[in-house]
């Protein structure tokens, strides 16, 4: 995490999806390689690296997700109804955090395999290019977490934007910096139940 006095990085876990293919909320799924549910794995990755947590989810899922976290983790909850795409989730986090955050680390709850070393690379790159959206890539595939400044999105209503965050970024002219990393975990998500292709699939970032 940046040590800059005027910089405040928050990890934003995106967990607002209805998880129809999983058959259960994604954040509560446990994979064979780790006894922790996905939400806890992603939350502890960022907590261990010094970033406070904001979890974007729906009012219906919040109680179950809160029960999946150890008590020592005290995230800020950004609740927004289901539906829409990534822009609504990101803008809900921006609105909820307000002046507490200058930069967000957008991390879908179903991407648990990111290495700590990758986070350190992203942090250093974002410190050097604080106005840019930093997107990790592996073998040309865009992944997560994505690090972005909050300033371009302040004052926008989440309910008014139900498309992809990349469309807002493009329209605002915010620079995007793609960072190639030697970490397949950035592009490895889990959108099917364990045992039905549970190794995960490569999927592009919504940014």
C-alpha atoms as a PDB file:
ATOM      1  CA  UNK A   1       0.000   0.000   0.000  1.00  0.00           C
ATOM      2  CA  UNK A   2       1.181   3.500  -0.732  1.00  0.00           C
ATOM      3  CA  UNK A   3       2.824   5.373   2.103  1.00  0.00           C
ATOM      4  CA  UNK A   4       2.017   8.743   0.509  1.00  0.00           C
ATOM      5  CA  UNK A   5       0.418  11.000   3.124  1.00  0.00           C
ATOM      6  CA  UNK A   6      -2.376  12.164   0.825  1.00  0.00           C
ATOM      7  CA  UNK A   7      -3.134   8.748  -0.639  1.00  0.00           C
ATOM      8  CA  UNK A   8      -5.764   6.409   0.803  1.00  0.00           C
ATOM      9  CA  UNK A   9      -6.120   3.021  -0.899  1.00  0.00           C
ATOM     10  CA  UNK A  10      -9.115   0.771  -0.218  1.00  0.00           C
ATOM     11  CA  UNK A  11      -9.728  -2.753  -1.439  1.00  0.00           C
ATOM     12  CA  UNK A  12     -13.217  -3.020  -2.924  1.00  0.00           C
ATOM     13  CA  UNK A  13     -14.512  -6.582  -3.121  1.00  0.00           C
ATOM     14  CA  UNK A  14     -17.177  -6.894  -5.805  1.00  0.00           C
ATOM     15  CA  UNK A  15     -19.754  -9.413  -4.565  1.00  0.00           C
ATOM     16  CA  UNK A  16     -23.101  -8.186  -5.846  1.00  0.00           C
ATOM     17  CA  UNK A  17     -23.808 -10.954  -8.363  1.00  0.00           C
ATOM     18  CA  UNK A  18     -26.628 -13.463  -7.927  1.00  0.00           C
ATOM     19  CA  UNK A  19     -24.296 -16.417  -8.692  1.00  0.00           C
ATOM     20  CA  UNK A  20     -26.856 -18.450 -10.606  1.00  0.00           C
ATOM     21  CA  UNK A  21     -24.251 -20.777 -12.124  1.00  0.00           C
ATOM     22  CA  UNK A  22     -22.690 -21.402  -8.715  1.00  0.00           C
ATOM     23  CA  UNK A  23     -25.993 -22.305  -7.130  1.00  0.00           C
ATOM     24  CA  UNK A  24     -24.954 -20.329  -4.031  1.00  0.00           C
ATOM     25  CA  UNK A  25     -23.464 -16.897  -3.311  1.00  0.00           C
ATOM     26  CA  UNK A  26     -19.963 -16.928  -4.798  1.00  0.00           C
ATOM     27  CA  UNK A  27     -18.370 -15.418  -1.730  1.00  0.00           C
ATOM     28  CA  UNK A  28     -19.456 -18.387   0.388  1.00  0.00           C
ATOM     29  CA  UNK A  29     -18.076 -21.042  -1.963  1.00  0.00           C
ATOM     30  CA  UNK A  30     -15.129 -23.092  -0.673  1.00  0.00           C
ATOM     31  CA  UNK A  31     -12.667 -24.484  -3.212  1.00  0.00           C
ATOM     32  CA  UNK A  32     -10.691 -27.719  -2.676  1.00  0.00           C
ATOM     33  CA  UNK A  33      -7.380 -25.881  -2.320  1.00  0.00           C
ATOM     34  CA  UNK A  34      -8.319 -23.782   0.746  1.00  0.00           C
ATOM     35  CA  UNK A  35     -10.836 -24.171   3.615  1.00  0.00           C
ATOM     36  CA  UNK A  36     -11.722 -20.476   3.594  1.00  0.00           C
ATOM     37  CA  UNK A  37     -14.731 -19.199   1.606  1.00  0.00           C
ATOM     38  CA  UNK A  38     -13.839 -17.020  -1.369  1.00  0.00           C
ATOM     39  CA  UNK A  39     -14.879 -13.788   0.317  1.00  0.00           C
ATOM     40  CA  UNK A  40     -12.558 -14.394   3.237  1.00  0.00           C
ATOM     41  CA  UNK A  41      -9.654 -15.338   0.955  1.00  0.00           C
ATOM     42  CA  UNK A  42      -9.886 -12.112  -1.030  1.00  0.00           C
ATOM     43  CA  UNK A  43     -10.501 -10.004   2.079  1.00  0.00           C
ATOM     44  CA  UNK A  44      -7.501 -11.426   3.922  1.00  0.00           C
ATOM     45  CA  UNK A  45      -5.215 -10.935   0.915  1.00  0.00           C
ATOM     46  CA  UNK A  46      -5.808  -7.185   1.065  1.00  0.00           C
ATOM     47  CA  UNK A  47      -6.020  -6.925   4.836  1.00  0.00           C
ATOM     48  CA  UNK A  48      -2.657  -8.661   5.179  1.00  0.00           C
ATOM     49  CA  UNK A  49      -1.207  -6.143   2.706  1.00  0.00           C
ATOM     50  CA  UNK A  50      -2.530  -3.188   4.698  1.00  0.00           C
ATOM     51  CA  UNK A  51      -5.594  -2.093   2.759  1.00  0.00           C
ATOM     52  CA  UNK A  52      -8.912  -1.395   4.489  1.00  0.00           C
ATOM     53  CA  UNK A  53     -11.880  -3.217   3.020  1.00  0.00           C
ATOM     54  CA  UNK A  54     -15.115  -2.190   1.352  1.00  0.00           C
ATOM     55  CA  UNK A  55     -17.481  -4.943   0.243  1.00  0.00           C
ATOM     56  CA  UNK A  56     -20.049  -4.156  -2.432  1.00  0.00           C
ATOM     57  CA  UNK A  57     -22.991  -6.520  -2.256  1.00  0.00           C
ATOM     58  CA  UNK A  58     -26.773  -6.578  -2.140  1.00  0.00           C
ATOM     59  CA  UNK A  59     -28.878  -6.088   0.991  1.00  0.00           C
ATOM     60  CA  UNK A  60     -30.020  -9.712   0.696  1.00  0.00           C
ATOM     61  CA  UNK A  61     -26.471 -11.105   0.717  1.00  0.00           C
ATOM     62  CA  UNK A  62     -24.894  -8.827   3.325  1.00  0.00           C
ATOM     63  CA  UNK A  63     -25.766 -10.812   6.452  1.00  0.00           C
ATOM     64  CA  UNK A  64     -24.480 -14.101   5.045  1.00  0.00           C
ATOM     65  CA  UNK A  65     -21.296 -12.488   3.838  1.00  0.00           C
ATOM     66  CA  UNK A  66     -20.700 -10.790   7.181  1.00  0.00           C
ATOM     67  CA  UNK A  67     -20.862 -14.205   8.846  1.00  0.00           C
ATOM     68  CA  UNK A  68     -18.140 -15.535   6.543  1.00  0.00           C
ATOM     69  CA  UNK A  69     -15.550 -13.062   7.837  1.00  0.00           C
ATOM     70  CA  UNK A  70     -13.545 -13.241  11.060  1.00  0.00           C
ATOM     71  CA  UNK A  71     -14.452 -10.603  13.618  1.00  0.00           C
ATOM     72  CA  UNK A  72     -11.104  -8.865  13.310  1.00  0.00           C
ATOM     73  CA  UNK A  73     -12.068  -7.759   9.798  1.00  0.00           C
ATOM     74  CA  UNK A  74     -14.388  -4.766   9.932  1.00  0.00           C
ATOM     75  CA  UNK A  75     -15.223  -3.831   6.350  1.00  0.00           C
ATOM     76  CA  UNK A  76     -17.324  -0.941   5.184  1.00  0.00           C
ATOM     77  CA  UNK A  77     -20.404  -2.300   3.417  1.00  0.00           C
ATOM     78  CA  UNK A  78     -21.672  -0.663   0.231  1.00  0.00           C
ATOM     79  CA  UNK A  79     -25.122  -2.094  -0.413  1.00  0.00           C
ATOM     80  CA  UNK A  80     -26.700  -1.793  -3.845  1.00  0.00           C
ATOM     81  CA  UNK A  81     -29.513  -3.823  -5.448  1.00  0.00           C
ATOM     82  CA  UNK A  82     -28.679  -6.635  -7.834  1.00  0.00           C
ATOM     83  CA  UNK A  83     -28.616  -6.034 -11.564  1.00  0.00           C
ATOM     84  CA  UNK A  84     -26.489  -3.981 -13.867  1.00  0.00           C
ATOM     85  CA  UNK A  85     -22.783  -4.323 -14.518  1.00  0.00           C
ATOM     86  CA  UNK A  86     -19.531  -3.279 -12.877  1.00  0.00           C
ATOM     87  CA  UNK A  87     -20.096   0.484 -13.090  1.00  0.00           C
ATOM     88  CA  UNK A  88     -22.935   0.378 -10.561  1.00  0.00           C
ATOM     89  CA  UNK A  89     -20.797  -1.578  -8.094  1.00  0.00           C
ATOM     90  CA  UNK A  90     -17.802   0.737  -8.442  1.00  0.00           C
ATOM     91  CA  UNK A  91     -19.886   3.894  -8.126  1.00  0.00           C
ATOM     92  CA  UNK A  92     -21.636   2.469  -5.057  1.00  0.00           C
ATOM     93  CA  UNK A  93     -18.223   2.020  -3.418  1.00  0.00           C
ATOM     94  CA  UNK A  94     -17.092   5.525  -4.395  1.00  0.00           C
ATOM     95  CA  UNK A  95     -20.252   7.022  -2.920  1.00  0.00           C
ATOM     96  CA  UNK A  96     -20.037   4.970   0.277  1.00  0.00           C
ATOM     97  CA  UNK A  97     -16.376   5.701   0.981  1.00  0.00           C
ATOM     98  CA  UNK A  98     -16.427   9.383   0.084  1.00  0.00           C
ATOM     99  CA  UNK A  99     -13.313  11.284   1.152  1.00  0.00           C
ATOM    100  CA  UNK A 100     -11.926   8.235   2.990  1.00  0.00           C
ATOM    101  CA  UNK A 101     -10.559   6.854  -0.285  1.00  0.00           C
ATOM    102  CA  UNK A 102      -8.424   8.292  -3.055  1.00  0.00           C
ATOM    103  CA  UNK A 103      -7.843   4.978  -4.868  1.00  0.00           C
ATOM    104  CA  UNK A 104      -9.791   1.741  -5.135  1.00  0.00           C
ATOM    105  CA  UNK A 105      -8.549  -1.788  -5.709  1.00  0.00           C
ATOM    106  CA  UNK A 106     -11.400  -3.508  -7.548  1.00  0.00           C
ATOM    107  CA  UNK A 107     -11.350  -7.233  -6.822  1.00  0.00           C
ATOM    108  CA  UNK A 108     -14.179  -9.623  -7.776  1.00  0.00           C
ATOM    109  CA  UNK A 109     -14.973 -12.121  -5.050  1.00  0.00           C
ATOM    110  CA  UNK A 110     -14.395 -15.080  -7.397  1.00  0.00           C
ATOM    111  CA  UNK A 111     -10.719 -14.249  -8.132  1.00  0.00           C
ATOM    112  CA  UNK A 112      -8.938 -15.708  -5.069  1.00  0.00           C
ATOM    113  CA  UNK A 113      -5.562 -16.728  -6.488  1.00  0.00           C
ATOM    114  CA  UNK A 114      -3.775 -13.363  -6.809  1.00  0.00           C
ATOM    115  CA  UNK A 115      -0.266 -13.364  -5.347  1.00  0.00           C
ATOM    116  CA  UNK A 116       0.882 -10.832  -2.759  1.00  0.00           C
ATOM    117  CA  UNK A 117       3.868 -10.021  -4.983  1.00  0.00           C
ATOM    118  CA  UNK A 118       1.459  -8.997  -7.731  1.00  0.00           C
ATOM    119  CA  UNK A 119      -0.268  -6.596  -5.360  1.00  0.00           C
ATOM    120  CA  UNK A 120       3.079  -5.031  -4.565  1.00  0.00           C
ATOM    121  CA  UNK A 121       3.777  -4.517  -8.281  1.00  0.00           C
ATOM    122  CA  UNK A 122       0.366  -2.922  -8.767  1.00  0.00           C
ATOM    123  CA  UNK A 123       0.895  -0.659  -5.775  1.00  0.00           C
ATOM    124  CA  UNK A 124       4.235   0.581  -7.060  1.00  0.00           C
ATOM    125  CA  UNK A 125       2.881   1.191 -10.547  1.00  0.00           C
ATOM    126  CA  UNK A 126      -0.140   3.082  -9.255  1.00  0.00           C
ATOM    127  CA  UNK A 127       2.046   5.262  -7.043  1.00  0.00           C
ATOM    128  CA  UNK A 128       4.071   6.245 -10.099  1.00  0.00           C
ATOM    129  CA  UNK A 129       0.940   6.800 -12.225  1.00  0.00           C
ATOM    130  CA  UNK A 130      -1.738   7.856  -9.714  1.00  0.00           C
ATOM    131  CA  UNK A 131      -4.123   9.289 -12.318  1.00  0.00           C
ATOM    132  CA  UNK A 132      -4.208   6.079 -14.372  1.00  0.00           C
ATOM    133  CA  UNK A 133      -6.334   2.964 -14.121  1.00  0.00           C
ATOM    134  CA  UNK A 134      -3.845   0.101 -13.645  1.00  0.00           C
ATOM    135  CA  UNK A 135      -4.991  -3.257 -15.022  1.00  0.00           C
ATOM    136  CA  UNK A 136      -2.904  -6.417 -14.525  1.00  0.00           C
ATOM    137  CA  UNK A 137      -2.645  -8.773 -17.491  1.00  0.00           C
ATOM    138  CA  UNK A 138      -1.359 -12.307 -17.872  1.00  0.00           C
ATOM    139  CA  UNK A 139      -0.641 -13.720 -21.334  1.00  0.00           C
ATOM    140  CA  UNK A 140      -2.592 -10.811 -22.775  1.00  0.00           C
ATOM    141  CA  UNK A 141      -5.718 -11.457 -20.672  1.00  0.00           C
ATOM    142  CA  UNK A 142      -6.937  -8.604 -18.501  1.00  0.00           C
ATOM    143  CA  UNK A 143      -7.456  -9.436 -14.850  1.00  0.00           C
ATOM    144  CA  UNK A 144      -7.834  -8.140 -11.298  1.00  0.00           C
ATOM    145  CA  UNK A 145      -7.383  -6.399  -8.986  1.00  0.00           C
ATOM    146  CA  UNK A 146      -7.668  -3.164 -10.937  1.00  0.00           C
ATOM    147  CA  UNK A 147      -6.342  -0.050  -9.200  1.00  0.00           C
ATOM    148  CA  UNK A 148      -8.042   3.239 -10.045  1.00  0.00           C
ATOM    149  CA  UNK A 149      -8.384   6.777  -8.740  1.00  0.00           C
ATOM    150  CA  UNK A 150     -11.703   7.812  -7.209  1.00  0.00           C
ATOM    151  CA  UNK A 151     -11.710  11.441  -8.347  1.00  0.00           C
ATOM    152  CA  UNK A 152     -13.199  10.934 -11.850  1.00  0.00           C
ATOM    153  CA  UNK A 153     -16.244   9.122 -10.440  1.00  0.00           C
ATOM    154  CA  UNK A 154     -17.272  11.271  -7.491  1.00  0.00           C
ATOM    155  CA  UNK A 155     -20.836  12.535  -7.570  1.00  0.00           C
ATOM    156  CA  UNK A 156     -22.094   9.936 -10.046  1.00  0.00           C
ATOM    157  CA  UNK A 157     -25.279   8.070  -9.175  1.00  0.00           C
ATOM    158  CA  UNK A 158     -24.814   4.267  -9.190  1.00  0.00           C
ATOM    159  CA  UNK A 159     -28.447   3.809 -10.184  1.00  0.00           C
ATOM    160  CA  UNK A 160     -27.867   5.814 -13.359  1.00  0.00           C
ATOM    161  CA  UNK A 161     -25.019   3.624 -14.658  1.00  0.00           C
ATOM    162  CA  UNK A 162     -25.718  -0.058 -15.287  1.00  0.00           C
ATOM    163  CA  UNK A 163     -23.069  -0.756 -17.919  1.00  0.00           C
ATOM    164  CA  UNK A 164     -19.440  -1.835 -17.756  1.00  0.00           C
ATOM    165  CA  UNK A 165     -16.943   0.322 -15.902  1.00  0.00           C
ATOM    166  CA  UNK A 166     -14.698   0.336 -18.963  1.00  0.00           C
ATOM    167  CA  UNK A 167     -17.346   2.382 -20.788  1.00  0.00           C
ATOM    168  CA  UNK A 168     -17.234   5.092 -18.115  1.00  0.00           C
ATOM    169  CA  UNK A 169     -13.443   5.088 -18.174  1.00  0.00           C
ATOM    170  CA  UNK A 170     -13.383   5.478 -21.937  1.00  0.00           C
ATOM    171  CA  UNK A 171     -15.972   8.254 -21.899  1.00  0.00           C
ATOM    172  CA  UNK A 172     -14.083  10.165 -19.201  1.00  0.00           C
ATOM    173  CA  UNK A 173     -10.770   9.825 -20.996  1.00  0.00           C
ATOM    174  CA  UNK A 174      -9.018   8.350 -17.953  1.00  0.00           C
ATOM    175  CA  UNK A 175      -5.723   6.725 -19.007  1.00  0.00           C
ATOM    176  CA  UNK A 176      -5.494   2.940 -18.708  1.00  0.00           C
ATOM    177  CA  UNK A 177      -2.138   1.308 -18.013  1.00  0.00           C
ATOM    178  CA  UNK A 178      -1.906  -2.430 -18.591  1.00  0.00           C
ATOM    179  CA  UNK A 179       0.702  -4.113 -16.411  1.00  0.00           C
ATOM    180  CA  UNK A 180       1.937  -7.525 -17.572  1.00  0.00           C
ATOM    181  CA  UNK A 181       2.502  -9.804 -14.564  1.00  0.00           C
ATOM    182  CA  UNK A 182       3.796 -13.341 -14.167  1.00  0.00           C
ATOM    183  CA  UNK A 183       0.746 -14.375 -12.168  1.00  0.00           C
ATOM    184  CA  UNK A 184      -2.024 -16.454 -13.790  1.00  0.00           C
ATOM    185  CA  UNK A 185      -4.169 -15.851 -10.699  1.00  0.00           C
ATOM    186  CA  UNK A 186      -5.102 -12.353 -11.863  1.00  0.00           C
ATOM    187  CA  UNK A 187      -7.152 -13.790 -14.727  1.00  0.00           C
ATOM    188  CA  UNK A 188      -8.413 -16.958 -13.045  1.00  0.00           C
ATOM    189  CA  UNK A 189     -11.979 -16.665 -11.858  1.00  0.00           C
ATOM    190  CA  UNK A 190     -14.467 -19.232 -10.547  1.00  0.00           C
ATOM    191  CA  UNK A 191     -17.972 -18.998 -11.913  1.00  0.00           C
ATOM    192  CA  UNK A 192     -18.984 -22.655 -11.718  1.00  0.00           C
ATOM    193  CA  UNK A 193     -19.418 -24.935  -8.686  1.00  0.00           C
ATOM    194  CA  UNK A 194     -16.357 -26.893  -7.469  1.00  0.00           C
ATOM    195  CA  UNK A 195     -16.179 -30.254  -9.203  1.00  0.00           C
ATOM    196  CA  UNK A 196     -17.598 -28.925 -12.495  1.00  0.00           C
ATOM    197  CA  UNK A 197     -14.468 -27.276 -13.839  1.00  0.00           C
ATOM    198  CA  UNK A 198     -13.350 -25.986 -10.452  1.00  0.00           C
ATOM    199  CA  UNK A 199      -9.884 -25.060 -11.644  1.00  0.00           C
ATOM    200  CA  UNK A 200     -11.321 -21.777 -12.747  1.00  0.00           C
ATOM    201  CA  UNK A 201     -11.495 -20.056 -16.090  1.00  0.00           C
ATOM    202  CA  UNK A 202      -9.667 -17.130 -17.588  1.00  0.00           C
ATOM    203  CA  UNK A 203     -11.890 -14.117 -17.915  1.00  0.00           C
ATOM    204  CA  UNK A 204     -11.191 -10.526 -18.849  1.00  0.00           C
ATOM    205  CA  UNK A 205     -11.499  -7.582 -16.506  1.00  0.00           C
ATOM    206  CA  UNK A 206     -14.618  -5.447 -16.646  1.00  0.00           C
ATOM    207  CA  UNK A 207     -12.309  -2.442 -16.990  1.00  0.00           C
END
